[in-house]
Amino acid sequence: MNLYKSYVFRNKDPVIDETRTLVQDSGSSYAEISKDSGVSVTTLYAWFHGKTKRPQSASIEAVGRALGYKRVWQPDKKLAAKRRAKRK
């Protein structure tokens, strides 16, 4: 099953690295983040130090929100133009 047509990662989903950066920048402990997000310390550890390759989107969202962030989809004008050109 190919989940990503335009991007293939080898080891871990890049969202893990993005979330790790948010956690490190926050200075919060895993226990604090777990309390605020509802995501277990074990899950956080598995993302950053364990074997988890594809974390659940809802869990990533919960951790980001607990740290004061909001995920937003932004349009990519170049990509949209390429897609429109393909349809013609």
C-alpha atoms as a PDB file:
ATOM      1  CA  MET A   1       0.000   0.000   0.000  1.00  0.00           C
ATOM      2  CA  ASN A   2       1.454   3.371  -1.035  1.00  0.00           C
ATOM      3  CA  LEU A   3       0.111   6.052   1.294  1.00  0.00           C
ATOM      4  CA  TYR A   4       2.241   8.884  -0.034  1.00  0.00           C
ATOM      5  CA  LYS A   5       2.432   9.388  -3.781  1.00  0.00           C
ATOM      6  CA  SER A   6       4.550  12.520  -3.681  1.00  0.00           C
ATOM      7  CA  TYR A   7       6.729  11.842  -0.641  1.00  0.00           C
ATOM      8  CA  VAL A   8       8.299   8.647   0.613  1.00  0.00           C
ATOM      9  CA  PHE A   9      10.148   8.596   3.909  1.00  0.00           C
ATOM     10  CA  ARG A  10      12.535   5.822   4.793  1.00  0.00           C
ATOM     11  CA  ASN A  11      12.585   5.663   8.583  1.00  0.00           C
ATOM     12  CA  LYS A  12      10.063   7.857  10.338  1.00  0.00           C
ATOM     13  CA  ASP A  13       7.352  10.258   9.302  1.00  0.00           C
ATOM     14  CA  PRO A  14       8.780  13.807   9.246  1.00  0.00           C
ATOM     15  CA  VAL A  15       5.984  14.936  11.576  1.00  0.00           C
ATOM     16  CA  ILE A  16       7.915  13.169  14.353  1.00  0.00           C
ATOM     17  CA  ASP A  17      10.907  15.465  13.803  1.00  0.00           C
ATOM     18  CA  GLU A  18       8.652  18.506  13.639  1.00  0.00           C
ATOM     19  CA  THR A  19       6.943  17.540  16.884  1.00  0.00           C
ATOM     20  CA  ARG A  20      10.276  16.746  18.565  1.00  0.00           C
ATOM     21  CA  THR A  21      11.413  20.274  17.785  1.00  0.00           C
ATOM     22  CA  LEU A  22       8.253  21.729  19.349  1.00  0.00           C
ATOM     23  CA  VAL A  23       8.768  19.599  22.464  1.00  0.00           C
ATOM     24  CA  GLN A  24      12.444  20.555  22.783  1.00  0.00           C
ATOM     25  CA  ASP A  25      11.711  24.253  22.255  1.00  0.00           C
ATOM     26  CA  SER A  26       8.969  24.152  24.886  1.00  0.00           C
ATOM     27  CA  GLY A  27      11.310  22.976  27.631  1.00  0.00           C
ATOM     28  CA  SER A  28       8.447  20.850  28.970  1.00  0.00           C
ATOM     29  CA  SER A  29       8.932  17.335  30.284  1.00  0.00           C
ATOM     30  CA  TYR A  30       7.170  14.374  28.734  1.00  0.00           C
ATOM     31  CA  ALA A  31       5.121  14.109  31.939  1.00  0.00           C
ATOM     32  CA  GLU A  32       3.921  17.720  31.615  1.00  0.00           C
ATOM     33  CA  ILE A  33       3.051  17.256  27.956  1.00  0.00           C
ATOM     34  CA  SER A  34       1.259  14.002  28.733  1.00  0.00           C
ATOM     35  CA  LYS A  35      -0.822  15.668  31.424  1.00  0.00           C
ATOM     36  CA  ASP A  36      -1.794  18.553  29.120  1.00  0.00           C
ATOM     37  CA  SER A  37      -2.368  16.521  25.943  1.00  0.00           C
ATOM     38  CA  GLY A  38      -3.670  13.168  27.102  1.00  0.00           C
ATOM     39  CA  VAL A  39      -0.929  11.427  25.084  1.00  0.00           C
ATOM     40  CA  SER A  40       0.986   8.977  27.270  1.00  0.00           C
ATOM     41  CA  VAL A  41       4.636   9.404  28.181  1.00  0.00           C
ATOM     42  CA  THR A  42       5.221   5.965  26.668  1.00  0.00           C
ATOM     43  CA  THR A  43       3.821   7.152  23.336  1.00  0.00           C
ATOM     44  CA  LEU A  44       5.997  10.268  23.350  1.00  0.00           C
ATOM     45  CA  TYR A  45       9.059   8.179  24.112  1.00  0.00           C
ATOM     46  CA  ALA A  46       8.174   5.720  21.320  1.00  0.00           C
ATOM     47  CA  TRP A  47       7.886   8.596  18.817  1.00  0.00           C
ATOM     48  CA  PHE A  48      11.198  10.189  19.640  1.00  0.00           C
ATOM     49  CA  HIS A  49      13.335   7.257  20.808  1.00  0.00           C
ATOM     50  CA  GLY A  50      11.451   4.116  19.843  1.00  0.00           C
ATOM     51  CA  LYS A  51      10.173   2.272  16.835  1.00  0.00           C
ATOM     52  CA  THR A  52       7.049   4.293  16.025  1.00  0.00           C
ATOM     53  CA  LYS A  53       7.174   5.275  12.351  1.00  0.00           C
ATOM     54  CA  ARG A  54       3.710   6.709  11.723  1.00  0.00           C
ATOM     55  CA  PRO A  55       2.059   8.353  14.729  1.00  0.00           C
ATOM     56  CA  GLN A  56      -1.666   8.965  14.773  1.00  0.00           C
ATOM     57  CA  SER A  57      -2.607  12.398  13.510  1.00  0.00           C
ATOM     58  CA  ALA A  58      -4.948  13.004  16.454  1.00  0.00           C
ATOM     59  CA  SER A  59      -2.111  12.359  18.916  1.00  0.00           C
ATOM     60  CA  ILE A  60       0.260  14.681  17.069  1.00  0.00           C
ATOM     61  CA  GLU A  61      -2.474  17.325  17.051  1.00  0.00           C
ATOM     62  CA  ALA A  62      -3.078  16.882  20.790  1.00  0.00           C
ATOM     63  CA  VAL A  63       0.601  17.356  21.637  1.00  0.00           C
ATOM     64  CA  GLY A  64       0.881  20.407  19.390  1.00  0.00           C
ATOM     65  CA  ARG A  65      -2.209  21.975  20.941  1.00  0.00           C
ATOM     66  CA  ALA A  66      -0.913  21.259  24.456  1.00  0.00           C
ATOM     67  CA  LEU A  67       2.235  23.167  23.503  1.00  0.00           C
ATOM     68  CA  GLY A  68       0.251  26.088  22.098  1.00  0.00           C
ATOM     69  CA  TYR A  69       0.397  25.299  18.374  1.00  0.00           C
ATOM     70  CA  LYS A  70      -2.230  24.785  15.701  1.00  0.00           C
ATOM     71  CA  ARG A  71      -1.691  22.832  12.461  1.00  0.00           C
ATOM     72  CA  VAL A  72      -2.837  24.659   9.367  1.00  0.00           C
ATOM     73  CA  TRP A  73      -3.061  23.520   5.752  1.00  0.00           C
ATOM     74  CA  GLN A  74      -1.696  26.240   3.526  1.00  0.00           C
ATOM     75  CA  PRO A  75      -2.164  26.372  -0.227  1.00  0.00           C
ATOM     76  CA  ASP A  76       0.901  25.852  -2.391  1.00  0.00           C
ATOM     77  CA  LYS A  77       0.297  27.991  -5.463  1.00  0.00           C
ATOM     78  CA  LYS A  78       2.974  26.278  -7.563  1.00  0.00           C
ATOM     79  CA  LEU A  79       1.655  22.812  -6.793  1.00  0.00           C
ATOM     80  CA  ALA A  80      -1.931  23.901  -7.438  1.00  0.00           C
ATOM     81  CA  ALA A  81      -0.921  25.324 -10.815  1.00  0.00           C
ATOM     82  CA  LYS A  82       0.792  22.050 -11.761  1.00  0.00           C
ATOM     83  CA  ARG A  83      -2.315  20.067 -10.799  1.00  0.00           C
ATOM     84  CA  ARG A  84      -4.536  22.373 -12.856  1.00  0.00           C
ATOM     85  CA  ALA A  85      -2.199  22.011 -15.854  1.00  0.00           C
ATOM     86  CA  LYS A  86      -2.383  18.195 -15.574  1.00  0.00           C
ATOM     87  CA  ARG A  87      -6.185  18.230 -15.719  1.00  0.00           C
ATOM     88  CA  LYS A  88      -6.226  20.133 -19.020  1.00  0.00           C
END
